[in-house]
Amino acid sequence: MIRTQICLTDKQRAELAIISRNSGKEQREIIRRAIDPLIAPAGQDQMIFTAGFQLLRA
């Protein structure tokens, strides 16, 4: 794995901490799992996501 940094708002950070605590999962795992659906599997149409994660077909 490659380590990277992201910037979160105070609200995002607080909500992520709550989700982590309630689920017993590390924050980095929660973030990775949240990103996975945004990545189109090989062979599928290219996907474009708006800031609100609204799915649009290219």
N, C-alpha and C. Protein backbone atom coordinates (compact mmCIF):
# COMPACT_ATOMS: atom_id res chain seq x y z
N MET A 1 0.84 -1.18 0.00
CA MET A 1 0.00 0.00 0.00
C MET A 1 0.88 1.23 0.00
N ILE A 2 0.31 2.30 -0.54
CA ILE A 2 0.99 3.58 -0.57
C ILE A 2 0.31 4.50 0.42
N ARG A 3 1.10 5.14 1.25
CA ARG A 3 0.54 6.07 2.23
C ARG A 3 0.29 7.42 1.56
N THR A 4 -0.85 8.02 1.87
CA THR A 4 -1.19 9.32 1.32
C THR A 4 -1.88 10.15 2.40
N GLN A 5 -2.01 11.42 2.16
CA GLN A 5 -2.68 12.31 3.10
C GLN A 5 -3.89 12.92 2.44
N ILE A 6 -4.93 13.18 3.24
CA ILE A 6 -6.12 13.86 2.75
C ILE A 6 -6.48 14.96 3.74
N CYS A 7 -7.21 15.94 3.28
CA CYS A 7 -7.71 17.01 4.14
C CYS A 7 -9.20 16.79 4.35
N LEU A 8 -9.62 16.82 5.60
CA LEU A 8 -11.02 16.67 5.96
C LEU A 8 -11.48 17.90 6.70
N THR A 9 -12.77 18.21 6.59
CA THR A 9 -13.33 19.27 7.40
C THR A 9 -13.41 18.78 8.84
N ASP A 10 -13.61 19.70 9.75
CA ASP A 10 -13.76 19.30 11.16
C ASP A 10 -14.94 18.34 11.32
N LYS A 11 -16.03 18.62 10.62
CA LYS A 11 -17.22 17.77 10.70
C LYS A 11 -16.92 16.37 10.15
N GLN A 12 -16.25 16.30 8.99
CA GLN A 12 -15.90 15.00 8.41
C GLN A 12 -15.02 14.20 9.36
N ARG A 13 -14.05 14.87 9.96
CA ARG A 13 -13.13 14.19 10.89
C ARG A 13 -13.87 13.67 12.10
N ALA A 14 -14.78 14.48 12.63
CA ALA A 14 -15.55 14.07 13.81
C ALA A 14 -16.47 12.89 13.48
N GLU A 15 -17.15 12.96 12.34
CA GLU A 15 -18.05 11.87 11.94
C GLU A 15 -17.26 10.59 11.66
N LEU A 16 -16.11 10.72 11.04
CA LEU A 16 -15.26 9.56 10.77
C LEU A 16 -14.82 8.90 12.08
N ALA A 17 -14.48 9.71 13.07
CA ALA A 17 -14.08 9.17 14.37
C ALA A 17 -15.24 8.41 15.02
N ILE A 18 -16.45 8.92 14.90
CA ILE A 18 -17.62 8.25 15.46
C ILE A 18 -17.87 6.91 14.75
N ILE A 19 -17.80 6.94 13.41
CA ILE A 19 -18.00 5.70 12.65
C ILE A 19 -16.94 4.68 13.03
N SER A 20 -15.70 5.13 13.17
CA SER A 20 -14.61 4.24 13.54
C SER A 20 -14.84 3.61 14.91
N ARG A 21 -15.19 4.45 15.84
CA ARG A 21 -15.43 3.96 17.21
C ARG A 21 -16.59 2.98 17.26
N ASN A 22 -17.68 3.31 16.57
CA ASN A 22 -18.87 2.44 16.59
C ASN A 22 -18.67 1.13 15.84
N SER A 23 -17.87 1.16 14.80
CA SER A 23 -17.67 -0.04 13.99
C SER A 23 -16.49 -0.89 14.45
N GLY A 24 -15.60 -0.29 15.23
CA GLY A 24 -14.39 -1.01 15.65
C GLY A 24 -13.36 -1.12 14.54
N LYS A 25 -13.54 -0.36 13.47
CA LYS A 25 -12.60 -0.38 12.35
C LYS A 25 -11.74 0.87 12.37
N GLU A 26 -10.52 0.76 11.86
CA GLU A 26 -9.64 1.91 11.81
C GLU A 26 -10.14 2.90 10.76
N GLN A 27 -9.87 4.17 10.98
CA GLN A 27 -10.32 5.21 10.06
C GLN A 27 -9.77 4.99 8.66
N ARG A 28 -8.54 4.56 8.54
CA ARG A 28 -7.97 4.35 7.21
C ARG A 28 -8.71 3.24 6.45
N GLU A 29 -9.19 2.22 7.17
CA GLU A 29 -9.96 1.16 6.52
C GLU A 29 -11.31 1.69 6.04
N ILE A 30 -11.94 2.51 6.85
CA ILE A 30 -13.23 3.09 6.48
C ILE A 30 -13.07 3.96 5.23
N ILE A 31 -12.02 4.75 5.18
CA ILE A 31 -11.77 5.61 4.02
C ILE A 31 -11.51 4.78 2.78
N ARG A 32 -10.69 3.75 2.89
CA ARG A 32 -10.43 2.88 1.72
C ARG A 32 -11.71 2.25 1.22
N ARG A 33 -12.55 1.76 2.13
CA ARG A 33 -13.82 1.13 1.72
C ARG A 33 -14.77 2.14 1.09
N ALA A 34 -14.72 3.39 1.52
CA ALA A 34 -15.57 4.43 0.95
C ALA A 34 -15.12 4.79 -0.46
N ILE A 35 -13.84 4.70 -0.73
CA ILE A 35 -13.29 5.05 -2.04
C ILE A 35 -13.52 3.93 -3.06
N ASP A 36 -13.48 2.69 -2.63
CA ASP A 36 -13.59 1.55 -3.55
C ASP A 36 -14.77 1.63 -4.52
N PRO A 37 -15.98 1.99 -4.07
CA PRO A 37 -17.10 2.06 -5.03
C PRO A 37 -16.94 3.17 -6.07
N LEU A 38 -16.08 4.14 -5.81
CA LEU A 38 -15.87 5.23 -6.75
C LEU A 38 -14.94 4.84 -7.89
N ILE A 39 -14.26 3.73 -7.74
CA ILE A 39 -13.30 3.28 -8.75
C ILE A 39 -13.98 2.22 -9.62
N ALA A 40 -14.11 2.53 -10.88
CA ALA A 40 -14.78 1.60 -11.81
C ALA A 40 -13.89 0.39 -12.05
N PRO A 41 -14.44 -0.81 -11.93
CA PRO A 41 -13.67 -2.01 -12.24
C PRO A 41 -13.21 -2.00 -13.71
N ALA A 42 -12.11 -2.63 -13.98
CA ALA A 42 -11.56 -2.70 -15.34
C ALA A 42 -12.61 -3.25 -16.30
N GLY A 43 -12.71 -2.65 -17.49
CA GLY A 43 -13.63 -3.14 -18.49
C GLY A 43 -14.98 -2.44 -18.49
N GLN A 44 -15.29 -1.70 -17.45
CA GLN A 44 -16.57 -1.00 -17.41
C GLN A 44 -16.39 0.40 -18.01
N ASP A 45 -17.52 1.05 -18.30
CA ASP A 45 -17.49 2.41 -18.79
C ASP A 45 -16.75 3.30 -17.81
N GLN A 46 -16.05 4.30 -18.36
CA GLN A 46 -15.38 5.26 -17.49
C GLN A 46 -16.44 6.04 -16.73
N MET A 47 -16.23 6.26 -15.44
CA MET A 47 -17.19 6.98 -14.60
C MET A 47 -16.62 8.34 -14.24
N ILE A 48 -17.50 9.33 -14.17
CA ILE A 48 -17.12 10.66 -13.71
C ILE A 48 -18.00 10.97 -12.50
N PHE A 49 -17.37 11.42 -11.43
CA PHE A 49 -18.12 11.71 -10.20
C PHE A 49 -18.06 13.20 -9.89
N THR A 50 -19.19 13.77 -9.59
CA THR A 50 -19.22 15.16 -9.17
C THR A 50 -18.85 15.22 -7.70
N ALA A 51 -18.71 16.40 -7.18
CA ALA A 51 -18.32 16.57 -5.77
C ALA A 51 -19.29 15.86 -4.83
N GLY A 52 -20.55 15.78 -5.20
CA GLY A 52 -21.55 15.11 -4.36
C GLY A 52 -21.64 13.63 -4.64
N PHE A 53 -20.70 13.10 -5.41
CA PHE A 53 -20.64 11.69 -5.76
C PHE A 53 -21.84 11.24 -6.57
N GLN A 54 -22.40 12.17 -7.33
CA GLN A 54 -23.48 11.81 -8.25
C GLN A 54 -22.82 11.15 -9.45
N LEU A 55 -23.26 10.00 -9.81
CA LEU A 55 -22.66 9.22 -10.88
C LEU A 55 -23.15 9.70 -12.24
N LEU A 56 -22.21 10.00 -13.09
CA LEU A 56 -22.52 10.39 -14.46
C LEU A 56 -21.74 9.50 -15.42
N ARG A 57 -22.36 9.02 -16.47
CA ARG A 57 -21.68 8.21 -17.48
C ARG A 57 -20.95 9.14 -18.44
N ALA A 58 -19.69 8.83 -18.72
CA ALA A 58 -18.90 9.65 -19.65
C ALA A 58 -19.29 9.33 -21.07
